[in-house]
Amino acid sequence: MKKNYNIAIVGLGQVGLYLYNELKIKKKDIETKTGKQIKIVAISAKNKNKKRKFKIDKKIFYSNPLNIFKNKIDILIECIGLSDGISKSIVEKALNKKIHVITPNKALISKHGDKLSEIAEKKRVNLEFEASVGGGIPILRTIKEGLATNKISKVYGILNGTCNYILSEMEITKDSFQNVLKKAQKLGYAEPGNPKLDLNGYDAMAKVKILSALSFNKTISSNKSLMEGIENIESKDFDIAEQLNLRIKLLGITEIIDNKLFERVHPCLVKNNTYIANVSGVMNAVILDGKPVGESVLQGEGAGPGPTSSALMSDLLSILRGNIKYPFGISSKKRKKNTNL
């Protein structure tokens, strides 16, 4: 059995760089837990000389990510984050070369996950994306493995930490959306440039589509679903909600109703004594309804380099332990096409 694994990391933003450092300092820990040794043989980003929080090895740096394949690579970790372009082409190329792939890229998986999983299954390698939903919460592995024999009927929760932080702060401080957004950007909870994809519900919807595919053994839905963000919520909305003993939360919801898939993301009024109403700040929480397990709740930090890196490491150890698994829990041939409401 193979003992040494060569790793390439493409994308050295907050997540990629943090993971690069984690892999370097935890080599012995990884070997203790898996019996395998790892070596980072290639890294790639746009700027070789950019000032970074952690020092990188410039001898293994490639400005063109496609040049990493000049090395013998066993595992590729893609942290660029695009739904198409170089993210898609490099993941496809790696899988076709029988290289395992790990990615936190929800945009890529929610758009091209079906095709990529078919390639991975054909080439008998793993496509792992635990970090694409819920940051450090092990929600996807829980569905694929821990609850594998359960019939899940509904999954819902708070899937975007940025929005949850903004809504929590607006309720507490009575401040405006724009002011709280600026505070979130200063704290690093929202993108400093354009946080639109967090605020308009797109980020949460990508996660909903991945959760649907895994929970209901279906292909990723391509139909347009109800999607509304939090940009139009005002401080007076919280005053009204408070009078009614309610709170405002942006929820992602997917469920099967009359054998049809119903996916949506939108602000919801929830009773203030419920579990989901009391998940505040940048926290995420996912609630699953299944048989025979009943209701299961998972909560944790849903964003940031630490939690995301934790999920990426979980995927890495899963590969090093030697199991070739179906990316979406069951064979692509057995996943059913979606009928949307």
C-alpha atoms as a PDB file:
ATOM      1  CA  MET A   1       0.000   0.000   0.000  1.00  0.00           C
ATOM      2  CA  LYS A   2       1.178   3.511  -0.890  1.00  0.00           C
ATOM      3  CA  LYS A   3       3.005   5.293   1.963  1.00  0.00           C
ATOM      4  CA  ASN A   4       4.035   8.675   0.500  1.00  0.00           C
ATOM      5  CA  TYR A   5       1.680  11.248  -1.009  1.00  0.00           C
ATOM      6  CA  ASN A   6       2.649  14.336  -3.024  1.00  0.00           C
ATOM      7  CA  ILE A   7       0.318  17.320  -2.607  1.00  0.00           C
ATOM      8  CA  ALA A   8      -0.256  20.417  -4.753  1.00  0.00           C
ATOM      9  CA  ILE A   9      -2.178  23.507  -3.572  1.00  0.00           C
ATOM     10  CA  VAL A  10      -3.655  25.886  -6.135  1.00  0.00           C
ATOM     11  CA  GLY A  11      -4.820  29.228  -4.740  1.00  0.00           C
ATOM     12  CA  LEU A  12      -3.036  30.885  -1.826  1.00  0.00           C
ATOM     13  CA  GLY A  13      -5.709  33.219  -0.551  1.00  0.00           C
ATOM     14  CA  GLN A  14      -6.743  33.190   3.117  1.00  0.00           C
ATOM     15  CA  VAL A  15      -7.819  29.533   3.060  1.00  0.00           C
ATOM     16  CA  GLY A  16      -5.119  28.112   0.784  1.00  0.00           C
ATOM     17  CA  LEU A  17      -2.296  29.827   2.663  1.00  0.00           C
ATOM     18  CA  TYR A  18      -3.634  28.800   6.085  1.00  0.00           C
ATOM     19  CA  LEU A  19      -3.930  25.197   4.899  1.00  0.00           C
ATOM     20  CA  TYR A  20      -0.397  25.289   3.434  1.00  0.00           C
ATOM     21  CA  ASN A  21       0.931  26.257   6.872  1.00  0.00           C
ATOM     22  CA  GLU A  22      -1.215  23.625   8.635  1.00  0.00           C
ATOM     23  CA  LEU A  23       0.127  20.879   6.373  1.00  0.00           C
ATOM     24  CA  LYS A  24       3.698  21.898   7.119  1.00  0.00           C
ATOM     25  CA  ILE A  25       3.339  22.005  10.904  1.00  0.00           C
ATOM     26  CA  LYS A  26       1.117  18.916  11.213  1.00  0.00           C
ATOM     27  CA  LYS A  27       3.067  16.417   9.088  1.00  0.00           C
ATOM     28  CA  LYS A  28       3.894  14.209  12.079  1.00  0.00           C
ATOM     29  CA  ASP A  29       0.324  14.350  13.380  1.00  0.00           C
ATOM     30  CA  ILE A  30      -0.984  13.298   9.952  1.00  0.00           C
ATOM     31  CA  GLU A  31       1.505  10.421   9.804  1.00  0.00           C
ATOM     32  CA  THR A  32       0.543   9.268  13.311  1.00  0.00           C
ATOM     33  CA  LYS A  33      -3.160   9.196  12.403  1.00  0.00           C
ATOM     34  CA  THR A  34      -2.900   7.682   8.908  1.00  0.00           C
ATOM     35  CA  GLY A  35       0.476   5.938   8.674  1.00  0.00           C
ATOM     36  CA  LYS A  36       1.153   8.044   5.545  1.00  0.00           C
ATOM     37  CA  GLN A  37       3.722  10.738   4.843  1.00  0.00           C
ATOM     38  CA  ILE A  38       2.869  13.870   2.879  1.00  0.00           C
ATOM     39  CA  LYS A  39       5.028  16.281   0.911  1.00  0.00           C
ATOM     40  CA  ILE A  40       3.932  19.564  -0.673  1.00  0.00           C
ATOM     41  CA  VAL A  41       5.555  19.480  -4.126  1.00  0.00           C
ATOM     42  CA  ALA A  42       3.775  22.402  -5.862  1.00  0.00           C
ATOM     43  CA  ILE A  43       1.912  25.592  -4.971  1.00  0.00           C
ATOM     44  CA  SER A  44       0.358  28.154  -7.280  1.00  0.00           C
ATOM     45  CA  ALA A  45      -1.078  31.653  -7.056  1.00  0.00           C
ATOM     46  CA  LYS A  46      -1.075  34.839  -9.143  1.00  0.00           C
ATOM     47  CA  ASN A  47       1.743  36.648  -7.341  1.00  0.00           C
ATOM     48  CA  LYS A  48       4.924  34.900  -6.230  1.00  0.00           C
ATOM     49  CA  ASN A  49       6.273  37.910  -4.315  1.00  0.00           C
ATOM     50  CA  LYS A  50       3.094  39.018  -2.543  1.00  0.00           C
ATOM     51  CA  LYS A  51       3.552  39.679   1.170  1.00  0.00           C
ATOM     52  CA  ARG A  52       1.872  36.797   2.979  1.00  0.00           C
ATOM     53  CA  LYS A  53       1.116  35.903   6.596  1.00  0.00           C
ATOM     54  CA  PHE A  54       3.069  32.639   6.283  1.00  0.00           C
ATOM     55  CA  LYS A  55       6.330  32.131   4.432  1.00  0.00           C
ATOM     56  CA  ILE A  56       6.039  30.058   1.258  1.00  0.00           C
ATOM     57  CA  ASP A  57       8.610  27.894  -0.507  1.00  0.00           C
ATOM     58  CA  LYS A  58       9.270  29.787  -3.751  1.00  0.00           C
ATOM     59  CA  LYS A  59      11.172  26.827  -5.225  1.00  0.00           C
ATOM     60  CA  ILE A  60       7.902  24.946  -5.706  1.00  0.00           C
ATOM     61  CA  PHE A  61       5.858  28.007  -6.807  1.00  0.00           C
ATOM     62  CA  TYR A  62       4.129  28.119 -10.208  1.00  0.00           C
ATOM     63  CA  SER A  63       2.510  31.287 -11.569  1.00  0.00           C
ATOM     64  CA  ASN A  64       0.626  29.199 -14.120  1.00  0.00           C
ATOM     65  CA  PRO A  65      -1.386  26.628 -12.165  1.00  0.00           C
ATOM     66  CA  LEU A  66      -1.463  24.187 -15.091  1.00  0.00           C
ATOM     67  CA  ASN A  67       2.327  23.822 -14.780  1.00  0.00           C
ATOM     68  CA  ILE A  68       1.975  22.043 -11.424  1.00  0.00           C
ATOM     69  CA  PHE A  69       1.364  18.835 -13.391  1.00  0.00           C
ATOM     70  CA  LYS A  70       5.057  18.744 -14.306  1.00  0.00           C
ATOM     71  CA  ASN A  71       5.367  17.142 -10.851  1.00  0.00           C
ATOM     72  CA  LYS A  72       4.168  13.720  -9.719  1.00  0.00           C
ATOM     73  CA  ILE A  73       1.021  14.660  -7.793  1.00  0.00           C
ATOM     74  CA  ASP A  74      -1.259  12.367  -5.794  1.00  0.00           C
ATOM     75  CA  ILE A  75      -3.626  14.945  -4.273  1.00  0.00           C
ATOM     76  CA  LEU A  76      -4.660  18.357  -5.623  1.00  0.00           C
ATOM     77  CA  ILE A  77      -6.221  20.934  -3.281  1.00  0.00           C
ATOM     78  CA  GLU A  78      -8.081  23.628  -5.249  1.00  0.00           C
ATOM     79  CA  CYS A  79      -8.672  26.874  -3.334  1.00  0.00           C
ATOM     80  CA  ILE A  80      -9.181  29.378  -6.174  1.00  0.00           C
ATOM     81  CA  GLY A  81     -12.949  29.511  -5.728  1.00  0.00           C
ATOM     82  CA  LEU A  82     -14.308  30.155  -9.243  1.00  0.00           C
ATOM     83  CA  SER A  83     -17.342  28.283 -10.607  1.00  0.00           C
ATOM     84  CA  ASP A  84     -15.707  27.970 -14.036  1.00  0.00           C
ATOM     85  CA  GLY A  85     -12.431  28.988 -15.698  1.00  0.00           C
ATOM     86  CA  ILE A  86      -9.187  27.776 -14.171  1.00  0.00           C
ATOM     87  CA  SER A  87     -10.930  26.189 -11.146  1.00  0.00           C
ATOM     88  CA  LYS A  88     -12.987  23.894 -13.372  1.00  0.00           C
ATOM     89  CA  SER A  89     -10.217  23.105 -15.866  1.00  0.00           C
ATOM     90  CA  ILE A  90      -7.591  22.272 -13.238  1.00  0.00           C
ATOM     91  CA  VAL A  91      -9.949  20.022 -11.242  1.00  0.00           C
ATOM     92  CA  GLU A  92     -11.051  18.207 -14.404  1.00  0.00           C
ATOM     93  CA  LYS A  93      -7.449  17.741 -15.525  1.00  0.00           C
ATOM     94  CA  ALA A  94      -6.418  16.397 -12.113  1.00  0.00           C
ATOM     95  CA  LEU A  95      -9.294  13.890 -11.952  1.00  0.00           C
ATOM     96  CA  ASN A  96      -8.603  12.693 -15.504  1.00  0.00           C
ATOM     97  CA  LYS A  97      -4.966  12.150 -14.487  1.00  0.00           C
ATOM     98  CA  LYS A  98      -6.188   9.960 -11.595  1.00  0.00           C
ATOM     99  CA  ILE A  99      -5.290  12.569  -8.980  1.00  0.00           C
ATOM    100  CA  HIS A 100      -7.493  12.901  -5.877  1.00  0.00           C
ATOM    101  CA  VAL A 101      -9.084  16.352  -5.528  1.00  0.00           C
ATOM    102  CA  ILE A 102     -10.071  18.288  -2.395  1.00  0.00           C
ATOM    103  CA  THR A 103     -11.851  21.642  -2.674  1.00  0.00           C
ATOM    104  CA  PRO A 104     -13.857  24.082  -0.522  1.00  0.00           C
ATOM    105  CA  ASN A 105     -15.297  25.531  -3.761  1.00  0.00           C
ATOM    106  CA  LYS A 106     -19.103  25.522  -3.378  1.00  0.00           C
ATOM    107  CA  ALA A 107     -19.601  27.511  -6.599  1.00  0.00           C
ATOM    108  CA  LEU A 108     -17.775  24.845  -8.615  1.00  0.00           C
ATOM    109  CA  ILE A 109     -19.456  21.847  -6.944  1.00  0.00           C
ATOM    110  CA  SER A 110     -22.987  23.309  -7.071  1.00  0.00           C
ATOM    111  CA  LYS A 111     -22.587  23.987 -10.805  1.00  0.00           C
ATOM    112  CA  HIS A 112     -20.388  21.144 -12.093  1.00  0.00           C
ATOM    113  CA  GLY A 113     -20.461  18.589  -9.267  1.00  0.00           C
ATOM    114  CA  ASP A 114     -22.392  15.981 -11.266  1.00  0.00           C
ATOM    115  CA  LYS A 115     -19.921  15.920 -14.144  1.00  0.00           C
ATOM    116  CA  LEU A 116     -16.871  16.035 -11.866  1.00  0.00           C
ATOM    117  CA  SER A 117     -18.182  13.193  -9.697  1.00  0.00           C
ATOM    118  CA  GLU A 118     -18.692  11.047 -12.812  1.00  0.00           C
ATOM    119  CA  ILE A 119     -15.040  11.592 -13.811  1.00  0.00           C
ATOM    120  CA  ALA A 120     -13.842  10.805 -10.270  1.00  0.00           C
ATOM    121  CA  GLU A 121     -15.842   7.562 -10.188  1.00  0.00           C
ATOM    122  CA  LYS A 122     -14.620   6.524 -13.652  1.00  0.00           C
ATOM    123  CA  LYS A 123     -10.972   7.189 -12.710  1.00  0.00           C
ATOM    124  CA  ARG A 124     -11.394   5.655  -9.233  1.00  0.00           C
ATOM    125  CA  VAL A 125     -10.188   8.686  -7.279  1.00  0.00           C
ATOM    126  CA  ASN A 126     -11.817  10.818  -4.606  1.00  0.00           C
ATOM    127  CA  LEU A 127     -13.476  14.185  -5.095  1.00  0.00           C
ATOM    128  CA  GLU A 128     -13.863  15.632  -1.583  1.00  0.00           C
ATOM    129  CA  PHE A 129     -15.700  18.898  -0.792  1.00  0.00           C
ATOM    130  CA  GLU A 130     -16.597  18.812   2.924  1.00  0.00           C
ATOM    131  CA  ALA A 131     -15.424  22.440   3.314  1.00  0.00           C
ATOM    132  CA  SER A 132     -17.869  23.710   0.670  1.00  0.00           C
ATOM    133  CA  VAL A 133     -20.789  23.732   3.146  1.00  0.00           C
ATOM    134  CA  GLY A 134     -20.718  24.903   6.747  1.00  0.00           C
ATOM    135  CA  GLY A 135     -16.982  25.590   7.127  1.00  0.00           C
ATOM    136  CA  GLY A 136     -15.760  23.472  10.023  1.00  0.00           C
ATOM    137  CA  ILE A 137     -19.117  21.714  10.608  1.00  0.00           C
ATOM    138  CA  PRO A 138     -18.820  18.110   9.341  1.00  0.00           C
ATOM    139  CA  ILE A 139     -22.264  18.243   7.749  1.00  0.00           C
ATOM    140  CA  LEU A 140     -21.559  16.501   4.431  1.00  0.00           C
ATOM    141  CA  ARG A 141     -19.701  13.587   6.014  1.00  0.00           C
ATOM    142  CA  THR A 142     -22.505  13.274   8.569  1.00  0.00           C
ATOM    143  CA  ILE A 143     -25.043  12.878   5.742  1.00  0.00           C
ATOM    144  CA  LYS A 144     -22.821  10.574   3.639  1.00  0.00           C
ATOM    145  CA  GLU A 145     -21.639   8.345   6.463  1.00  0.00           C
ATOM    146  CA  GLY A 146     -23.144   8.990   9.894  1.00  0.00           C
ATOM    147  CA  LEU A 147     -26.739   9.145   8.614  1.00  0.00           C
ATOM    148  CA  ALA A 148     -26.216   6.979   5.517  1.00  0.00           C
ATOM    149  CA  THR A 149     -29.166   4.660   6.152  1.00  0.00           C
ATOM    150  CA  ASN A 150     -31.620   7.387   7.150  1.00  0.00           C
ATOM    151  CA  LYS A 151     -34.336   8.721   4.865  1.00  0.00           C
ATOM    152  CA  ILE A 152     -33.875  12.489   5.064  1.00  0.00           C
ATOM    153  CA  SER A 153     -36.953  14.582   4.268  1.00  0.00           C
ATOM    154  CA  LYS A 154     -35.799  18.121   5.080  1.00  0.00           C
ATOM    155  CA  VAL A 155     -32.598  20.081   5.677  1.00  0.00           C
ATOM    156  CA  TYR A 156     -32.588  23.722   6.724  1.00  0.00           C
ATOM    157  CA  GLY A 157     -30.477  26.206   8.583  1.00  0.00           C
ATOM    158  CA  ILE A 158     -28.234  29.227   8.719  1.00  0.00           C
ATOM    159  CA  LEU A 159     -25.699  28.677   5.953  1.00  0.00           C
ATOM    160  CA  ASN A 160     -24.045  32.094   5.659  1.00  0.00           C
ATOM    161  CA  GLY A 161     -22.102  33.533   8.601  1.00  0.00           C
ATOM    162  CA  THR A 162     -21.832  37.009   7.058  1.00  0.00           C
ATOM    163  CA  CYS A 163     -25.594  37.430   6.819  1.00  0.00           C
ATOM    164  CA  ASN A 164     -26.177  35.944  10.259  1.00  0.00           C
ATOM    165  CA  TYR A 165     -23.668  38.365  11.801  1.00  0.00           C
ATOM    166  CA  ILE A 166     -25.278  41.365  10.089  1.00  0.00           C
ATOM    167  CA  LEU A 167     -28.801  40.381  11.128  1.00  0.00           C
ATOM    168  CA  SER A 168     -27.677  39.695  14.724  1.00  0.00           C
ATOM    169  CA  GLU A 169     -25.906  43.077  14.949  1.00  0.00           C
ATOM    170  CA  MET A 170     -28.805  44.990  13.397  1.00  0.00           C
ATOM    171  CA  GLU A 171     -31.160  43.464  15.982  1.00  0.00           C
ATOM    172  CA  ILE A 172     -28.889  44.248  18.948  1.00  0.00           C
ATOM    173  CA  THR A 173     -27.592  47.706  17.948  1.00  0.00           C
ATOM    174  CA  LYS A 174     -30.648  48.973  15.995  1.00  0.00           C
ATOM    175  CA  ASP A 175     -28.107  50.289  13.473  1.00  0.00           C
ATOM    176  CA  SER A 176     -28.656  50.440   9.690  1.00  0.00           C
ATOM    177  CA  PHE A 177     -27.771  47.678   7.234  1.00  0.00           C
ATOM    178  CA  GLN A 178     -25.035  49.759   5.592  1.00  0.00           C
ATOM    179  CA  ASN A 179     -23.344  50.665   8.896  1.00  0.00           C
ATOM    180  CA  VAL A 180     -23.361  47.064  10.132  1.00  0.00           C
ATOM    181  CA  LEU A 181     -22.049  45.863   6.756  1.00  0.00           C
ATOM    182  CA  LYS A 182     -19.081  48.272   7.076  1.00  0.00           C
ATOM    183  CA  LYS A 183     -18.406  46.889  10.565  1.00  0.00           C
ATOM    184  CA  ALA A 184     -18.546  43.318   9.218  1.00  0.00           C
ATOM    185  CA  GLN A 185     -16.050  44.251   6.480  1.00  0.00           C
ATOM    186  CA  LYS A 186     -13.657  45.795   9.018  1.00  0.00           C
ATOM    187  CA  LEU A 187     -13.802  42.631  11.120  1.00  0.00           C
ATOM    188  CA  GLY A 188     -13.177  40.432   8.066  1.00  0.00           C
ATOM    189  CA  TYR A 189     -16.623  38.797   8.200  1.00  0.00           C
ATOM    190  CA  ALA A 190     -17.627  40.285   4.828  1.00  0.00           C
ATOM    191  CA  GLU A 191     -15.621  40.733   1.639  1.00  0.00           C
ATOM    192  CA  PRO A 192     -13.979  44.180   1.651  1.00  0.00           C
ATOM    193  CA  GLY A 193     -14.622  44.727  -2.067  1.00  0.00           C
ATOM    194  CA  ASN A 194     -17.904  43.237  -3.248  1.00  0.00           C
ATOM    195  CA  PRO A 195     -19.812  41.110  -0.702  1.00  0.00           C
ATOM    196  CA  LYS A 196     -22.830  40.799  -3.030  1.00  0.00           C
ATOM    197  CA  LEU A 197     -22.745  36.975  -3.355  1.00  0.00           C
ATOM    198  CA  ASP A 198     -23.033  36.619   0.421  1.00  0.00           C
ATOM    199  CA  LEU A 199     -25.742  39.235   0.827  1.00  0.00           C
ATOM    200  CA  ASN A 200     -28.043  38.312  -2.088  1.00  0.00           C
ATOM    201  CA  GLY A 201     -28.435  34.650  -1.069  1.00  0.00           C
ATOM    202  CA  TYR A 202     -26.268  33.165  -3.858  1.00  0.00           C
ATOM    203  CA  ASP A 203     -23.698  31.698  -1.453  1.00  0.00           C
ATOM    204  CA  ALA A 204     -26.368  30.022   0.674  1.00  0.00           C
ATOM    205  CA  MET A 205     -28.195  28.711  -2.421  1.00  0.00           C
ATOM    206  CA  ALA A 206     -25.025  26.997  -3.729  1.00  0.00           C
ATOM    207  CA  LYS A 207     -24.801  25.203  -0.371  1.00  0.00           C
ATOM    208  CA  VAL A 208     -28.503  24.275  -0.478  1.00  0.00           C
ATOM    209  CA  LYS A 209     -28.023  22.613  -3.888  1.00  0.00           C
ATOM    210  CA  ILE A 210     -25.118  20.517  -2.563  1.00  0.00           C
ATOM    211  CA  LEU A 211     -27.114  19.537   0.544  1.00  0.00           C
ATOM    212  CA  SER A 212     -30.099  18.550  -1.633  1.00  0.00           C
ATOM    213  CA  ALA A 213     -27.998  16.301  -3.861  1.00  0.00           C
ATOM    214  CA  LEU A 214     -26.465  14.506  -0.883  1.00  0.00           C
ATOM    215  CA  SER A 215     -29.564  14.295   1.295  1.00  0.00           C
ATOM    216  CA  PHE A 216     -31.981  13.059  -1.347  1.00  0.00           C
ATOM    217  CA  ASN A 217     -29.624  11.032  -3.608  1.00  0.00           C
ATOM    218  CA  LYS A 218     -30.403  13.279  -6.559  1.00  0.00           C
ATOM    219  CA  THR A 219     -28.481  15.165  -9.231  1.00  0.00           C
ATOM    220  CA  ILE A 220     -27.812  18.839  -8.577  1.00  0.00           C
ATOM    221  CA  SER A 221     -30.895  20.865  -9.409  1.00  0.00           C
ATOM    222  CA  SER A 222     -30.533  23.364 -12.240  1.00  0.00           C
ATOM    223  CA  ASN A 223     -33.978  24.962 -11.929  1.00  0.00           C
ATOM    224  CA  LYS A 224     -34.264  28.515 -10.657  1.00  0.00           C
ATOM    225  CA  SER A 225     -35.330  28.566  -7.021  1.00  0.00           C
ATOM    226  CA  LEU A 226     -36.666  31.263  -4.736  1.00  0.00           C
ATOM    227  CA  MET A 227     -33.614  33.284  -3.679  1.00  0.00           C
ATOM    228  CA  GLU A 228     -33.721  36.501  -1.696  1.00  0.00           C
ATOM    229  CA  GLY A 229     -30.989  38.101   0.366  1.00  0.00           C
ATOM    230  CA  ILE A 230     -30.909  40.583   3.233  1.00  0.00           C
ATOM    231  CA  GLU A 231     -30.079  43.873   1.446  1.00  0.00           C
ATOM    232  CA  ASN A 232     -33.603  45.256   1.831  1.00  0.00           C
ATOM    233  CA  ILE A 233     -34.007  44.582   5.549  1.00  0.00           C
ATOM    234  CA  GLU A 234     -34.267  47.736   7.674  1.00  0.00           C
ATOM    235  CA  SER A 235     -33.940  48.371  11.405  1.00  0.00           C
ATOM    236  CA  LYS A 236     -37.724  48.959  11.686  1.00  0.00           C
ATOM    237  CA  ASP A 237     -38.269  45.344  10.568  1.00  0.00           C
ATOM    238  CA  PHE A 238     -36.552  44.194  13.762  1.00  0.00           C
ATOM    239  CA  ASP A 239     -38.821  46.422  15.887  1.00  0.00           C
ATOM    240  CA  ILE A 240     -41.902  44.771  14.372  1.00  0.00           C
ATOM    241  CA  ALA A 241     -40.423  41.270  14.758  1.00  0.00           C
ATOM    242  CA  GLU A 242     -39.573  41.963  18.412  1.00  0.00           C
ATOM    243  CA  GLN A 243     -43.158  42.998  19.180  1.00  0.00           C
ATOM    244  CA  LEU A 244     -44.300  39.629  17.807  1.00  0.00           C
ATOM    245  CA  ASN A 245     -41.650  37.634  19.752  1.00  0.00           C
ATOM    246  CA  LEU A 246     -39.950  36.770  16.471  1.00  0.00           C
ATOM    247  CA  ARG A 247     -36.448  37.066  15.020  1.00  0.00           C
ATOM    248  CA  ILE A 248     -35.263  37.541  11.438  1.00  0.00           C
ATOM    249  CA  LYS A 249     -32.884  34.891  10.056  1.00  0.00           C
ATOM    250  CA  LEU A 250     -31.686  34.149   6.534  1.00  0.00           C
ATOM    251  CA  LEU A 251     -32.421  30.441   6.075  1.00  0.00           C
ATOM    252  CA  GLY A 252     -31.530  27.961   3.375  1.00  0.00           C
ATOM    253  CA  ILE A 253     -34.176  25.252   3.104  1.00  0.00           C
ATOM    254  CA  THR A 254     -34.481  22.111   1.011  1.00  0.00           C
ATOM    255  CA  GLU A 255     -37.165  19.472   1.344  1.00  0.00           C
ATOM    256  CA  ILE A 256     -39.138  16.864  -0.554  1.00  0.00           C
ATOM    257  CA  ILE A 257     -42.855  17.698  -0.868  1.00  0.00           C
ATOM    258  CA  ASP A 258     -45.075  15.238  -2.789  1.00  0.00           C
ATOM    259  CA  ASN A 259     -41.963  13.614  -4.271  1.00  0.00           C
ATOM    260  CA  LYS A 260     -40.764  16.969  -5.634  1.00  0.00           C
ATOM    261  CA  LEU A 261     -37.759  19.028  -4.584  1.00  0.00           C
ATOM    262  CA  PHE A 262     -38.420  22.446  -3.037  1.00  0.00           C
ATOM    263  CA  GLU A 263     -35.300  24.590  -2.507  1.00  0.00           C
ATOM    264  CA  ARG A 264     -35.236  28.184  -1.322  1.00  0.00           C
ATOM    265  CA  VAL A 265     -33.150  30.858   0.433  1.00  0.00           C
ATOM    266  CA  HIS A 266     -34.825  33.893   1.989  1.00  0.00           C
ATOM    267  CA  PRO A 267     -35.197  35.853   5.244  1.00  0.00           C
ATOM    268  CA  CYS A 268     -37.593  34.113   7.648  1.00  0.00           C
ATOM    269  CA  LEU A 269     -39.447  35.129  10.782  1.00  0.00           C
ATOM    270  CA  VAL A 270     -38.735  32.521  13.464  1.00  0.00           C
ATOM    271  CA  LYS A 271     -40.037  32.264  17.033  1.00  0.00           C
ATOM    272  CA  ASN A 272     -37.427  33.691  19.404  1.00  0.00           C
ATOM    273  CA  ASN A 273     -37.566  30.667  21.739  1.00  0.00           C
ATOM    274  CA  THR A 274     -36.540  28.202  18.991  1.00  0.00           C
ATOM    275  CA  TYR A 275     -33.057  26.782  18.568  1.00  0.00           C
ATOM    276  CA  ILE A 276     -32.393  28.390  15.180  1.00  0.00           C
ATOM    277  CA  ALA A 277     -33.443  31.851  16.441  1.00  0.00           C
ATOM    278  CA  ASN A 278     -30.675  31.783  19.036  1.00  0.00           C
ATOM    279  CA  VAL A 279     -27.799  30.990  16.681  1.00  0.00           C
ATOM    280  CA  SER A 280     -26.130  34.391  16.461  1.00  0.00           C
ATOM    281  CA  GLY A 281     -23.022  36.092  15.102  1.00  0.00           C
ATOM    282  CA  VAL A 282     -20.985  34.336  12.399  1.00  0.00           C
ATOM    283  CA  MET A 283     -22.175  30.887  13.462  1.00  0.00           C
ATOM    284  CA  ASN A 284     -23.808  28.419  11.078  1.00  0.00           C
ATOM    285  CA  ALA A 285     -26.322  25.748  12.048  1.00  0.00           C
ATOM    286  CA  VAL A 286     -27.860  22.922  10.040  1.00  0.00           C
ATOM    287  CA  ILE A 287     -30.931  20.929  11.097  1.00  0.00           C
ATOM    288  CA  LEU A 288     -31.817  17.615   9.435  1.00  0.00           C
ATOM    289  CA  ASP A 289     -35.117  15.754   9.664  1.00  0.00           C
ATOM    290  CA  GLY A 290     -34.725  12.039   8.994  1.00  0.00           C
ATOM    291  CA  LYS A 291     -36.071   8.591   9.756  1.00  0.00           C
ATOM    292  CA  PRO A 292     -35.334   6.842  12.044  1.00  0.00           C
ATOM    293  CA  VAL A 293     -32.880   9.377  13.544  1.00  0.00           C
ATOM    294  CA  GLY A 294     -35.439  12.179  14.012  1.00  0.00           C
ATOM    295  CA  GLU A 295     -34.038  15.703  14.225  1.00  0.00           C
ATOM    296  CA  SER A 296     -30.269  16.247  14.185  1.00  0.00           C
ATOM    297  CA  VAL A 297     -28.553  19.598  14.754  1.00  0.00           C
ATOM    298  CA  LEU A 298     -25.004  20.585  13.830  1.00  0.00           C
ATOM    299  CA  GLN A 299     -23.606  24.008  14.709  1.00  0.00           C
ATOM    300  CA  GLY A 300     -20.243  25.685  14.355  1.00  0.00           C
ATOM    301  CA  GLU A 301     -18.212  28.380  12.666  1.00  0.00           C
ATOM    302  CA  GLY A 302     -19.156  28.447   9.020  1.00  0.00           C
ATOM    303  CA  ALA A 303     -16.427  30.578   7.508  1.00  0.00           C
ATOM    304  CA  GLY A 304     -12.831  31.707   7.835  1.00  0.00           C
ATOM    305  CA  PRO A 305      -9.508  30.003   7.192  1.00  0.00           C
ATOM    306  CA  GLY A 306      -9.453  28.055  10.487  1.00  0.00           C
ATOM    307  CA  PRO A 307     -12.794  26.201  10.229  1.00  0.00           C
ATOM    308  CA  THR A 308     -12.439  25.741   6.449  1.00  0.00           C
ATOM    309  CA  SER A 309      -8.925  24.361   6.840  1.00  0.00           C
ATOM    310  CA  SER A 310     -10.198  21.946   9.488  1.00  0.00           C
ATOM    311  CA  ALA A 311     -12.680  20.505   6.971  1.00  0.00           C
ATOM    312  CA  LEU A 312     -10.010  20.310   4.246  1.00  0.00           C
ATOM    313  CA  MET A 313      -7.737  18.370   6.612  1.00  0.00           C
ATOM    314  CA  SER A 314     -10.608  15.991   7.357  1.00  0.00           C
ATOM    315  CA  ASP A 315     -10.928  15.303   3.615  1.00  0.00           C
ATOM    316  CA  LEU A 316      -7.180  14.784   3.324  1.00  0.00           C
ATOM    317  CA  LEU A 317      -7.092  12.220   6.142  1.00  0.00           C
ATOM    318  CA  SER A 318     -10.047  10.411   4.587  1.00  0.00           C
ATOM    319  CA  ILE A 319      -8.081  10.005   1.339  1.00  0.00           C
ATOM    320  CA  LEU A 320      -4.863   8.999   3.130  1.00  0.00           C
ATOM    321  CA  ARG A 321      -6.736   6.251   4.981  1.00  0.00           C
ATOM    322  CA  GLY A 322      -7.375   4.687   1.605  1.00  0.00           C
ATOM    323  CA  ASN A 323     -11.095   4.622   0.926  1.00  0.00           C
ATOM    324  CA  ILE A 324     -12.279   5.401  -2.615  1.00  0.00           C
ATOM    325  CA  LYS A 325     -15.779   6.778  -2.087  1.00  0.00           C
ATOM    326  CA  TYR A 326     -18.607   8.083  -4.240  1.00  0.00           C
ATOM    327  CA  PRO A 327     -18.432  11.912  -4.054  1.00  0.00           C
ATOM    328  CA  PHE A 328     -22.190  12.223  -3.464  1.00  0.00           C
ATOM    329  CA  GLY A 329     -22.577   9.134  -1.292  1.00  0.00           C
ATOM    330  CA  ILE A 330     -23.928   6.793  -3.987  1.00  0.00           C
ATOM    331  CA  SER A 331     -22.982   5.992  -7.586  1.00  0.00           C
ATOM    332  CA  SER A 332     -23.737   8.724 -10.141  1.00  0.00           C
ATOM    333  CA  LYS A 333     -25.729   6.126 -12.097  1.00  0.00           C
ATOM    334  CA  LYS A 334     -28.118   5.675  -9.165  1.00  0.00           C
ATOM    335  CA  ARG A 335     -28.712   9.364  -8.421  1.00  0.00           C
ATOM    336  CA  LYS A 336     -32.143  10.434  -9.645  1.00  0.00           C
ATOM    337  CA  LYS A 337     -32.919  13.462 -11.774  1.00  0.00           C
ATOM    338  CA  ASN A 338     -34.704  16.268  -9.948  1.00  0.00           C
ATOM    339  CA  THR A 339     -38.341  17.214 -10.259  1.00  0.00           C
ATOM    340  CA  ASN A 340     -38.655  20.714  -8.843  1.00  0.00           C
ATOM    341  CA  LEU A 341     -41.764  22.310  -7.405  1.00  0.00           C
END
